Amino acid sequence: MGIYEELQARGLIAQVTDEERIRNLINNGEATFYIGFDCTADSLTAGHFMALTLMKRLQMAGNKPIALIGGGTTMIGDPSGRTDMRKMLTMEDIEHNAACFKRQMENFIDFSDGKALMVNNADWLLKLNYVELLREVGACFSVNNMLRAECYKQRMEKGLSFLEFNYMIMQSYDFYALFQKYGCNLQFGGDDQWSNMLGGTELIRRKLGKDAAAMTITLLTDSQGKKMGKTAGNAVWLDPNKTSPFDFYQYWRNVDDSDVLKCIKMLTFLPLDEIEKMESWEGSQLNRAKEILAFELTQMVHGAEEARKAQEAARALFGSGANSENMPTTEITAADLTDGAINILDLMQKAGLIASKGEGRRLVQQGGVSVDDVKVTDIAKTCTAADFEKGHVIIKKGKKVFHKVVLK
């Protein structure tokens, strides 16, 4: 089985421009391919997993990855899948975020000895003269076709700014520049990027008279069709300071039964024949599958030792409910208390357990919150300094989320 056939078997391929060409390129290790990452935050998220693991799979098959950092395109903002305009970042913010991305990508991609490249599109996009750009590539894009593109549809409902309208041209220019400078012959991206990617292949064809290919990756969604990689309204980050290894482990340990095998197949490097044996698993065996998924992904991001600690902490916690070692922890001080107490909703927000007080109120009213094994029934409940007599309290959200809050 070639790598293309493996990607098919894992359910990773969504759309391709030329299946035979792409199959031959990647199966023979002849692809120099790129995936773009806009630097909109100082950490990658679980939502980037598909792209990162794909790059690793293809590199292992002898192909050369280019991780394109969007220092230039981040200044425009990708409108794909958005109903609002993205926050404008400074160049300093973008450079800091790009440095953070590189450190995290090195857990997946081998950049040594020219085996992979990391480049920043700010190096060419920020040098472009607007009139020269219009003359060079403007005639290659049909406004009518651009307005029909899927990536603009949601923004069109509230008003698409001219700034964002240029994003497709910028992304297409990236492929054009990489093709010429590095011989990049293939672009990968999420399925919501299809229109932008076709723009790049068409620009290369019209300007250079040559063929380049594009393939989109299946978006990772849960059984309800929602994008995976968020919890309590927040992203699941790869940075351990933003999402602890324990919380990261628990996110994947708690996926729905109907999603676990799909996630194992799409995200882990376990052999397909081993995964096929799991397809008959039921009941408690699915919990074992979830542990495998959580351990494999946590190990990939945070290393084997952190994955082991997270797994042991989870087993101890859910086995006895008493062991708080390695439990996610938030520290507060007396300054966080008002008249010697803190409201349960404020406490949960400080611990990152809820995205809003409205969410917290609903959880309490539905009986989904406990403090030190005592169910909270009133949203006016407060924790006083006396409640922290042993140094901490443990908040339980739902059946599977535990968090220790320490009063310093």
Foldseek 3Di string as FASTA:
>chain_A
DFLVVLCVVLQWFDDKPDVVVVSVCQSVLNAEEEEEDELLDLFDFPQCLLVLQVQLSSLVSNHEYEYEYALPLNQLAQQAPHLDGRDHDDSVSSVNSVVSHVVQSVLRDPPPPNSYHYYYLCVPPVPDDPVVLCVQCVVLDDPVVLVVQNRCVSNVVVHDDPSNSCSLVSLLVVLVVCCVPPVRQEYEEAPSCVVSVVSNQSSCCVNPVDGGMYTYTYAQAAPVRHGDQDDQNHGHGLPCVVPNLLNQLLSLLPGDLVRLLSLCSSRAPPDPVVSVVCVPDDDVSSSVSSLVSSLRVSCSRPNNVSSVVSSVQQCVCLVPVPDCVVAAEAEDECVCADVQKDFPLSVCVSSVNHPDSVVVVVQLCVQFKDKQPHTRNDSRDIDGPVNCVVQWIWMGGHNRHIYIYGYD
